[in-house]
Amino acid sequence: MPAVKRIPVTEQVWKELAEMRLAGQTYTDLLAEMIDDRKRRRLEEDVRTWNRRNKDSYVSLSEIKD
């Protein structure tokens, strides 16, 4: 069994987390889902940033001299 850790949160945060849980969903499952969503959003933002970059400011690796 994995170690159980405690995370102190305010009463308001606890209530909001409780409202977000689905029937039968554990807090671990809820938090894992939230972490996955956050990672996905970060990746999507990184991709958008990469796509907006100034492509003219890059050079190919073959042009780089040591």
C-alpha atoms as a PDB file:
ATOM      1  CA  MET A   1       0.000   0.000   0.000  1.00  0.00           C
ATOM      2  CA  PRO A   2       1.388   3.429  -0.902  1.00  0.00           C
ATOM      3  CA  ALA A   3       2.255   5.901   1.825  1.00  0.00           C
ATOM      4  CA  VAL A   4      -0.565   8.192   2.874  1.00  0.00           C
ATOM      5  CA  LYS A   5       0.310  11.879   2.985  1.00  0.00           C
ATOM      6  CA  ARG A   6      -1.725  14.703   4.413  1.00  0.00           C
ATOM      7  CA  ILE A   7      -2.143  18.010   2.618  1.00  0.00           C
ATOM      8  CA  PRO A   8      -3.474  20.870   4.724  1.00  0.00           C
ATOM      9  CA  VAL A   9      -6.111  22.915   2.898  1.00  0.00           C
ATOM     10  CA  THR A  10      -8.524  25.598   3.952  1.00  0.00           C
ATOM     11  CA  GLU A  11     -12.127  24.718   4.691  1.00  0.00           C
ATOM     12  CA  GLN A  12     -13.224  26.492   1.497  1.00  0.00           C
ATOM     13  CA  VAL A  13     -10.824  24.464  -0.677  1.00  0.00           C
ATOM     14  CA  TRP A  14     -11.952  21.248   1.019  1.00  0.00           C
ATOM     15  CA  LYS A  15     -15.596  22.070   0.264  1.00  0.00           C
ATOM     16  CA  GLU A  16     -14.835  22.898  -3.366  1.00  0.00           C
ATOM     17  CA  LEU A  17     -12.895  19.663  -3.813  1.00  0.00           C
ATOM     18  CA  ALA A  18     -15.768  17.730  -2.283  1.00  0.00           C
ATOM     19  CA  GLU A  19     -18.180  19.362  -4.751  1.00  0.00           C
ATOM     20  CA  MET A  20     -15.930  18.409  -7.675  1.00  0.00           C
ATOM     21  CA  ARG A  21     -15.767  14.706  -6.815  1.00  0.00           C
ATOM     22  CA  LEU A  22     -17.942  12.288  -8.718  1.00  0.00           C
ATOM     23  CA  ALA A  23     -19.943   9.629  -6.895  1.00  0.00           C
ATOM     24  CA  GLY A  24     -17.535   6.993  -5.643  1.00  0.00           C
ATOM     25  CA  GLN A  25     -14.464   8.976  -6.686  1.00  0.00           C
ATOM     26  CA  THR A  26     -11.659   9.192  -4.144  1.00  0.00           C
ATOM     27  CA  TYR A  27      -9.752  12.381  -3.446  1.00  0.00           C
ATOM     28  CA  THR A  28      -6.669  10.632  -4.834  1.00  0.00           C
ATOM     29  CA  ASP A  29      -8.503   9.963  -8.096  1.00  0.00           C
ATOM     30  CA  LEU A  30      -9.789  13.546  -8.221  1.00  0.00           C
ATOM     31  CA  LEU A  31      -6.356  15.043  -7.600  1.00  0.00           C
ATOM     32  CA  ALA A  32      -4.719  12.698 -10.131  1.00  0.00           C
ATOM     33  CA  GLU A  33      -7.293  13.786 -12.718  1.00  0.00           C
ATOM     34  CA  MET A  34      -6.623  17.441 -11.913  1.00  0.00           C
ATOM     35  CA  ILE A  35      -2.862  16.884 -12.257  1.00  0.00           C
ATOM     36  CA  ASP A  36      -3.343  15.199 -15.646  1.00  0.00           C
ATOM     37  CA  ASP A  37      -5.548  18.074 -16.812  1.00  0.00           C
ATOM     38  CA  ARG A  38      -2.934  20.612 -15.709  1.00  0.00           C
ATOM     39  CA  LYS A  39      -0.142  18.736 -17.494  1.00  0.00           C
ATOM     40  CA  ARG A  40      -2.248  18.551 -20.658  1.00  0.00           C
ATOM     41  CA  ARG A  41      -2.948  22.305 -20.548  1.00  0.00           C
ATOM     42  CA  ARG A  42       0.762  23.060 -20.058  1.00  0.00           C
ATOM     43  CA  LEU A  43       1.676  20.861 -23.013  1.00  0.00           C
ATOM     44  CA  GLU A  44      -0.980  22.499 -25.178  1.00  0.00           C
ATOM     45  CA  GLU A  45       0.324  25.944 -24.224  1.00  0.00           C
ATOM     46  CA  ASP A  46       3.901  24.877 -24.991  1.00  0.00           C
ATOM     47  CA  VAL A  47       2.780  23.670 -28.419  1.00  0.00           C
ATOM     48  CA  ARG A  48       0.956  26.960 -29.077  1.00  0.00           C
ATOM     49  CA  THR A  49       4.055  28.901 -28.008  1.00  0.00           C
ATOM     50  CA  TRP A  50       6.258  26.748 -30.253  1.00  0.00           C
ATOM     51  CA  ASN A  51       3.916  27.272 -33.204  1.00  0.00           C
ATOM     52  CA  ARG A  52       3.961  31.074 -32.686  1.00  0.00           C
ATOM     53  CA  ARG A  53       7.755  31.290 -32.607  1.00  0.00           C
ATOM     54  CA  ASN A  54       9.655  33.366 -35.136  1.00  0.00           C
ATOM     55  CA  LYS A  55      10.843  30.634 -37.452  1.00  0.00           C
ATOM     56  CA  ASP A  56      13.302  33.003 -39.166  1.00  0.00           C
ATOM     57  CA  SER A  57      15.373  33.302 -36.002  1.00  0.00           C
ATOM     58  CA  TYR A  58      16.402  29.627 -36.091  1.00  0.00           C
ATOM     59  CA  VAL A  59      19.245  28.075 -38.031  1.00  0.00           C
ATOM     60  CA  SER A  60      19.735  24.469 -38.997  1.00  0.00           C
ATOM     61  CA  LEU A  61      22.175  22.377 -36.989  1.00  0.00           C
ATOM     62  CA  SER A  62      24.388  21.985 -40.074  1.00  0.00           C
ATOM     63  CA  GLU A  63      24.936  25.775 -40.076  1.00  0.00           C
ATOM     64  CA  ILE A  64      26.277  25.817 -36.524  1.00  0.00           C
ATOM     65  CA  LYS A  65      30.071  25.783 -36.274  1.00  0.00           C
ATOM     66  CA  ASP A  66      31.967  24.850 -33.133  1.00  0.00           C
END
